[in-house]
């Protein structure tokens, strides 16, 4: 995702996954966040009720938002 963000010159990237992804032994969340920071994205992450983002379902998801300045 970080490479696609750079190649496609995306200004906003939103990734969602299960909340337990933060416990992954391969540390995919940390790698994703760090990769985005290296291409000058401001990054925020949180566990949210995905319905708050407009999805037609009510469940908690881990969300990473990357935004370029």
PDB file of N, CA and C in Angstrom:
ATOM      1  N   UNK A   1       0.815  -1.200   0.000  1.00  0.00           N
ATOM      2  CA  UNK A   1       0.000   0.000   0.000  1.00  0.00           C
ATOM      3  C   UNK A   1       0.857   1.262   0.000  1.00  0.00           C
ATOM      4  N   UNK A   2       1.946   1.235   0.737  1.00  0.00           N
ATOM      5  CA  UNK A   2       2.789   2.432   0.771  1.00  0.00           C
ATOM      6  C   UNK A   2       3.369   2.718  -0.609  1.00  0.00           C
ATOM      7  N   UNK A   3       3.807   1.681  -1.302  1.00  0.00           N
ATOM      8  CA  UNK A   3       4.359   1.879  -2.659  1.00  0.00           C
ATOM      9  C   UNK A   3       3.269   2.356  -3.608  1.00  0.00           C
ATOM     10  N   UNK A   4       2.094   1.759  -3.550  1.00  0.00           N
ATOM     11  CA  UNK A   4       0.982   2.192  -4.414  1.00  0.00           C
ATOM     12  C   UNK A   4       0.638   3.651  -4.133  1.00  0.00           C
ATOM     13  N   UNK A   5       0.664   4.042  -2.869  1.00  0.00           N
ATOM     14  CA  UNK A   5       0.383   5.431  -2.495  1.00  0.00           C
ATOM     15  C   UNK A   5       1.359   6.380  -3.172  1.00  0.00           C
ATOM     16  N   UNK A   6       2.621   5.975  -3.208  1.00  0.00           N
ATOM     17  CA  UNK A   6       3.658   6.821  -3.799  1.00  0.00           C
ATOM     18  C   UNK A   6       3.547   6.837  -5.322  1.00  0.00           C
ATOM     19  N   UNK A   7       3.458   5.669  -5.925  1.00  0.00           N
ATOM     20  CA  UNK A   7       3.406   5.561  -7.388  1.00  0.00           C
ATOM     21  C   UNK A   7       2.175   6.257  -7.962  1.00  0.00           C
ATOM     22  N   UNK A   8       1.029   6.056  -7.324  1.00  0.00           N
ATOM     23  CA  UNK A   8      -0.215   6.637  -7.810  1.00  0.00           C
ATOM     24  C   UNK A   8      -0.437   8.072  -7.341  1.00  0.00           C
ATOM     25  N   UNK A   9       0.475   8.557  -6.484  1.00  0.00           N
ATOM     26  CA  UNK A   9       0.406   9.917  -5.938  1.00  0.00           C
ATOM     27  C   UNK A   9      -0.934  10.177  -5.238  1.00  0.00           C
ATOM     28  N   UNK A  10      -1.333   9.202  -4.450  1.00  0.00           N
ATOM     29  CA  UNK A  10      -2.590   9.336  -3.712  1.00  0.00           C
ATOM     30  C   UNK A  10      -2.444  10.358  -2.601  1.00  0.00           C
ATOM     31  N   UNK A  11      -3.484  11.099  -2.355  1.00  0.00           N
ATOM     32  CA  UNK A  11      -3.466  12.076  -1.268  1.00  0.00           C
ATOM     33  C   UNK A  11      -4.066  11.505   0.003  1.00  0.00           C
ATOM     34  N   UNK A  12      -4.940  10.504  -0.140  1.00  0.00           N
ATOM     35  CA  UNK A  12      -5.602   9.897   1.015  1.00  0.00           C
ATOM     36  C   UNK A  12      -5.648   8.393   0.829  1.00  0.00           C
ATOM     37  N   UNK A  13      -5.274   7.673   1.872  1.00  0.00           N
ATOM     38  CA  UNK A  13      -5.344   6.216   1.872  1.00  0.00           C
ATOM     39  C   UNK A  13      -6.016   5.791   3.171  1.00  0.00           C
ATOM     40  N   UNK A  14      -6.968   4.879   3.064  1.00  0.00           N
ATOM     41  CA  UNK A  14      -7.662   4.358   4.235  1.00  0.00           C
ATOM     42  C   UNK A  14      -7.608   2.838   4.183  1.00  0.00           C
ATOM     43  N   UNK A  15      -7.034   2.234   5.209  1.00  0.00           N
ATOM     44  CA  UNK A  15      -6.910   0.783   5.277  1.00  0.00           C
ATOM     45  C   UNK A  15      -7.673   0.311   6.503  1.00  0.00           C
ATOM     46  N   UNK A  16      -8.467  -0.750   6.339  1.00  0.00           N
ATOM     47  CA  UNK A  16      -9.185  -1.282   7.492  1.00  0.00           C
ATOM     48  C   UNK A  16      -8.878  -2.759   7.637  1.00  0.00           C
ATOM     49  N   UNK A  17      -8.924  -3.225   8.864  1.00  0.00           N
ATOM     50  CA  UNK A  17      -8.642  -4.621   9.165  1.00  0.00           C
ATOM     51  C   UNK A  17      -9.305  -4.956  10.504  1.00  0.00           C
ATOM     52  N   UNK A  18      -9.152  -6.195  10.925  1.00  0.00           N
ATOM     53  CA  UNK A  18      -9.695  -6.607  12.222  1.00  0.00           C
ATOM     54  C   UNK A  18      -8.892  -5.936  13.336  1.00  0.00           C
ATOM     55  N   UNK A  19      -9.516  -5.632  14.469  1.00  0.00           N
ATOM     56  CA  UNK A  19      -8.792  -4.958  15.551  1.00  0.00           C
ATOM     57  C   UNK A  19      -7.562  -5.719  16.058  1.00  0.00           C
ATOM     58  N   UNK A  20      -7.590  -7.045  15.986  1.00  0.00           N
ATOM     59  CA  UNK A  20      -6.457  -7.821  16.500  1.00  0.00           C
ATOM     60  C   UNK A  20      -5.232  -7.773  15.593  1.00  0.00           C
ATOM     61  N   UNK A  21      -5.316  -7.095  14.453  1.00  0.00           N
ATOM     62  CA  UNK A  21      -4.166  -6.990  13.564  1.00  0.00           C
ATOM     63  C   UNK A  21      -2.977  -6.336  14.275  1.00  0.00           C
ATOM     64  N   UNK A  22      -3.245  -5.542  15.279  1.00  0.00           N
ATOM     65  CA  UNK A  22      -2.157  -4.871  16.005  1.00  0.00           C
ATOM     66  C   UNK A  22      -1.317  -5.855  16.821  1.00  0.00           C
ATOM     67  N   UNK A  23      -1.815  -7.082  16.987  1.00  0.00           N
ATOM     68  CA  UNK A  23      -1.070  -8.110  17.725  1.00  0.00           C
ATOM     69  C   UNK A  23      -0.344  -9.072  16.797  1.00  0.00           C
ATOM     70  N   UNK A  24      -0.328  -8.779  15.497  1.00  0.00           N
ATOM     71  CA  UNK A  24       0.310  -9.636  14.505  1.00  0.00           C
ATOM     72  C   UNK A  24       1.805  -9.741  14.783  1.00  0.00           C
ATOM     73  N   UNK A  25       2.337 -10.965  14.773  1.00  0.00           N
ATOM     74  CA  UNK A  25       3.759 -11.159  15.072  1.00  0.00           C
ATOM     75  C   UNK A  25       4.664 -10.575  13.989  1.00  0.00           C
ATOM     76  N   UNK A  26       4.143 -10.406  12.778  1.00  0.00           N
ATOM     77  CA  UNK A  26       4.945  -9.811  11.702  1.00  0.00           C
ATOM     78  C   UNK A  26       4.924  -8.289  11.730  1.00  0.00           C
ATOM     79  N   UNK A  27       4.164  -7.715  12.658  1.00  0.00           N
ATOM     80  CA  UNK A  27       4.084  -6.264  12.858  1.00  0.00           C
ATOM     81  C   UNK A  27       3.734  -5.513  11.576  1.00  0.00           C
ATOM     82  N   UNK A  28       2.708  -5.993  10.875  1.00  0.00           N
ATOM     83  CA  UNK A  28       2.312  -5.371   9.605  1.00  0.00           C
ATOM     84  C   UNK A  28       1.809  -3.945   9.783  1.00  0.00           C
ATOM     85  N   UNK A  29       1.128  -3.672  10.885  1.00  0.00           N
ATOM     86  CA  UNK A  29       0.634  -2.310  11.111  1.00  0.00           C
ATOM     87  C   UNK A  29       1.809  -1.350  11.280  1.00  0.00           C
ATOM     88  N   UNK A  30       2.766  -1.735  12.096  1.00  0.00           N
ATOM     89  CA  UNK A  30       3.921  -0.873  12.319  1.00  0.00           C
ATOM     90  C   UNK A  30       4.691  -0.644  11.020  1.00  0.00           C
ATOM     91  N   UNK A  31       4.855  -1.686  10.226  1.00  0.00           N
ATOM     92  CA  UNK A  31       5.575  -1.558   8.952  1.00  0.00           C
ATOM     93  C   UNK A  31       4.825  -0.628   8.001  1.00  0.00           C
ATOM     94  N   UNK A  32       3.516  -0.751   7.953  1.00  0.00           N
ATOM     95  CA  UNK A  32       2.702   0.100   7.086  1.00  0.00           C
ATOM     96  C   UNK A  32       2.783   1.559   7.510  1.00  0.00           C
ATOM     97  N   UNK A  33       2.656   1.808   8.794  1.00  0.00           N
ATOM     98  CA  UNK A  33       2.717   3.175   9.316  1.00  0.00           C
ATOM     99  C   UNK A  33       4.090   3.788   9.015  1.00  0.00           C
ATOM    100  N   UNK A  34       5.148   3.059   9.275  1.00  0.00           N
ATOM    101  CA  UNK A  34       6.493   3.590   9.033  1.00  0.00           C
ATOM    102  C   UNK A  34       6.741   3.834   7.547  1.00  0.00           C
ATOM    103  N   UNK A  35       6.263   2.939   6.688  1.00  0.00           N
ATOM    104  CA  UNK A  35       6.431   3.120   5.243  1.00  0.00           C
ATOM    105  C   UNK A  35       5.713   4.376   4.768  1.00  0.00           C
ATOM    106  N   UNK A  36       4.555   4.636   5.295  1.00  0.00           N
ATOM    107  CA  UNK A  36       3.814   5.837   4.900  1.00  0.00           C
ATOM    108  C   UNK A  36       4.532   7.094   5.366  1.00  0.00           C
ATOM    109  N   UNK A  37       5.074   7.047   6.555  1.00  0.00           N
ATOM    110  CA  UNK A  37       5.787   8.219   7.056  1.00  0.00           C
ATOM    111  C   UNK A  37       7.007   8.539   6.195  1.00  0.00           C
ATOM    112  N   UNK A  38       7.643   7.520   5.637  1.00  0.00           N
ATOM    113  CA  UNK A  38       8.822   7.772   4.801  1.00  0.00           C
ATOM    114  C   UNK A  38       8.453   8.445   3.489  1.00  0.00           C
ATOM    115  N   UNK A  39       7.188   8.334   3.058  1.00  0.00           N
ATOM    116  CA  UNK A  39       6.769   9.040   1.843  1.00  0.00           C
ATOM    117  C   UNK A  39       5.925  10.266   2.195  1.00  0.00           C
ATOM    118  N   UNK A  40       6.140  10.759   3.402  1.00  0.00           N
ATOM    119  CA  UNK A  40       5.564  12.028   3.877  1.00  0.00           C
ATOM    120  C   UNK A  40       4.054  12.042   4.002  1.00  0.00           C
ATOM    121  N   UNK A  41       3.517  10.949   4.492  1.00  0.00           N
ATOM    122  CA  UNK A  41       2.103  10.896   4.842  1.00  0.00           C
ATOM    123  C   UNK A  41       1.981  11.175   6.327  1.00  0.00           C
ATOM    124  N   UNK A  42       0.972  11.944   6.727  1.00  0.00           N
ATOM    125  CA  UNK A  42       0.649  11.989   8.142  1.00  0.00           C
ATOM    126  C   UNK A  42      -0.244  10.771   8.363  1.00  0.00           C
ATOM    127  N   UNK A  43      -0.030  10.081   9.456  1.00  0.00           N
ATOM    128  CA  UNK A  43      -0.712   8.812   9.692  1.00  0.00           C
ATOM    129  C   UNK A  43      -1.428   8.841  11.027  1.00  0.00           C
ATOM    130  N   UNK A  44      -2.644   8.326  11.026  1.00  0.00           N
ATOM    131  CA  UNK A  44      -3.403   8.153  12.265  1.00  0.00           C
ATOM    132  C   UNK A  44      -4.030   6.772  12.210  1.00  0.00           C
ATOM    133  N   UNK A  45      -4.171   6.155  13.376  1.00  0.00           N
ATOM    134  CA  UNK A  45      -4.811   4.849  13.428  1.00  0.00           C
ATOM    135  C   UNK A  45      -5.697   4.766  14.652  1.00  0.00           C
ATOM    136  N   UNK A  46      -6.750   3.968  14.533  1.00  0.00           N
ATOM    137  CA  UNK A  46      -7.691   3.809  15.639  1.00  0.00           C
ATOM    138  C   UNK A  46      -8.558   2.581  15.378  1.00  0.00           C
ATOM    139  N   UNK A  47      -9.180   2.105  16.427  1.00  0.00           N
ATOM    140  CA  UNK A  47     -10.202   1.068  16.302  1.00  0.00           C
ATOM    141  C   UNK A  47     -11.541   1.785  16.413  1.00  0.00           C
ATOM    142  N   UNK A  48     -12.372   1.652  15.367  1.00  0.00           N
ATOM    143  CA  UNK A  48     -13.642   2.373  15.317  1.00  0.00           C
ATOM    144  C   UNK A  48     -14.778   1.443  14.902  1.00  0.00           C
ATOM    145  N   UNK A  49     -15.993   1.872  15.207  1.00  0.00           N
ATOM    146  CA  UNK A  49     -17.188   1.212  14.681  1.00  0.00           C
ATOM    147  C   UNK A  49     -17.266   1.645  13.220  1.00  0.00           C
ATOM    148  N   UNK A  50     -17.099   0.711  12.313  1.00  0.00           N
ATOM    149  CA  UNK A  50     -16.992   1.033  10.891  1.00  0.00           C
ATOM    150  C   UNK A  50     -18.244   1.730  10.346  1.00  0.00           C
ATOM    151  N   UNK A  51     -19.371   1.592  11.010  1.00  0.00           N
ATOM    152  CA  UNK A  51     -20.588   2.293  10.586  1.00  0.00           C
ATOM    153  C   UNK A  51     -20.394   3.806  10.656  1.00  0.00           C
ATOM    154  N   UNK A  52     -19.515   4.274  11.535  1.00  0.00           N
ATOM    155  CA  UNK A  52     -19.229   5.709  11.632  1.00  0.00           C
ATOM    156  C   UNK A  52     -18.583   6.250  10.365  1.00  0.00           C
ATOM    157  N   UNK A  53     -18.000   5.346   9.561  1.00  0.00           N
ATOM    158  CA  UNK A  53     -17.369   5.754   8.308  1.00  0.00           C
ATOM    159  C   UNK A  53     -18.278   5.520   7.105  1.00  0.00           C
ATOM    160  N   UNK A  54     -19.534   5.151   7.381  1.00  0.00           N
ATOM    161  CA  UNK A  54     -20.507   4.990   6.306  1.00  0.00           C
ATOM    162  C   UNK A  54     -20.722   3.572   5.827  1.00  0.00           C
ATOM    163  N   UNK A  55     -20.052   2.591   6.412  1.00  0.00           N
ATOM    164  CA  UNK A  55     -20.246   1.196   6.000  1.00  0.00           C
ATOM    165  C   UNK A  55     -21.597   0.693   6.501  1.00  0.00           C
ATOM    166  N   UNK A  56     -22.264  -0.148   5.714  1.00  0.00           N
ATOM    167  CA  UNK A  56     -23.586  -0.646   6.114  1.00  0.00           C
ATOM    168  C   UNK A  56     -23.502  -1.823   7.075  1.00  0.00           C
ATOM    169  N   UNK A  57     -22.635  -1.749   8.048  1.00  0.00           N
ATOM    170  CA  UNK A  57     -22.494  -2.809   9.039  1.00  0.00           C
ATOM    171  C   UNK A  57     -21.996  -2.217  10.347  1.00  0.00           C
ATOM    172  N   UNK A  58     -22.277  -2.898  11.414  1.00  0.00           N
ATOM    173  CA  UNK A  58     -21.853  -2.415  12.728  1.00  0.00           C
ATOM    174  C   UNK A  58     -20.855  -3.396  13.317  1.00  0.00           C
ATOM    175  N   UNK A  59     -19.603  -3.096  13.157  1.00  0.00           N
ATOM    176  CA  UNK A  59     -18.554  -3.871  13.801  1.00  0.00           C
ATOM    177  C   UNK A  59     -17.309  -3.026  13.930  1.00  0.00           C
ATOM    178  N   UNK A  60     -16.479  -3.414  14.864  1.00  0.00           N
ATOM    179  CA  UNK A  60     -15.252  -2.659  15.120  1.00  0.00           C
ATOM    180  C   UNK A  60     -14.160  -3.098  14.157  1.00  0.00           C
ATOM    181  N   UNK A  61     -13.419  -2.108  13.636  1.00  0.00           N
ATOM    182  CA  UNK A  61     -12.329  -2.367  12.705  1.00  0.00           C
ATOM    183  C   UNK A  61     -11.145  -1.472  13.064  1.00  0.00           C
ATOM    184  N   UNK A  62      -9.953  -1.981  12.816  1.00  0.00           N
ATOM    185  CA  UNK A  62      -8.741  -1.179  12.972  1.00  0.00           C
ATOM    186  C   UNK A  62      -8.574  -0.396  11.668  1.00  0.00           C
ATOM    187  N   UNK A  63      -8.456   0.922  11.770  1.00  0.00           N
ATOM    188  CA  UNK A  63      -8.367   1.778  10.596  1.00  0.00           C
ATOM    189  C   UNK A  63      -7.064   2.578  10.657  1.00  0.00           C
ATOM    190  N   UNK A  64      -6.351   2.594   9.526  1.00  0.00           N
ATOM    191  CA  UNK A  64      -5.155   3.419   9.376  1.00  0.00           C
ATOM    192  C   UNK A  64      -5.467   4.424   8.270  1.00  0.00           C
ATOM    193  N   UNK A  65      -5.302   5.711   8.573  1.00  0.00           N
ATOM    194  CA  UNK A  65      -5.542   6.767   7.609  1.00  0.00           C
ATOM    195  C   UNK A  65      -4.215   7.451   7.306  1.00  0.00           C
ATOM    196  N   UNK A  66      -3.907   7.548   6.018  1.00  0.00           N
ATOM    197  CA  UNK A  66      -2.708   8.256   5.586  1.00  0.00           C
ATOM    198  C   UNK A  66      -3.122   9.433   4.724  1.00  0.00           C
ATOM    199  N   UNK A  67      -2.529  10.594   4.972  1.00  0.00           N
ATOM    200  CA  UNK A  67      -2.907  11.808   4.257  1.00  0.00           C
ATOM    201  C   UNK A  67      -1.656  12.604   3.926  1.00  0.00           C
ATOM    202  N   UNK A  68      -1.549  13.040   2.672  1.00  0.00           N
ATOM    203  CA  UNK A  68      -0.411  13.879   2.302  1.00  0.00           C
ATOM    204  C   UNK A  68      -0.756  15.335   2.523  1.00  0.00           C
ATOM    205  N   UNK A  69       0.252  16.130   2.746  1.00  0.00           N
ATOM    206  CA  UNK A  69       0.044  17.537   2.999  1.00  0.00           C
ATOM    207  C   UNK A  69      -0.024  18.305   1.764  1.00  0.00           C
TER     208      UNK A  69
END
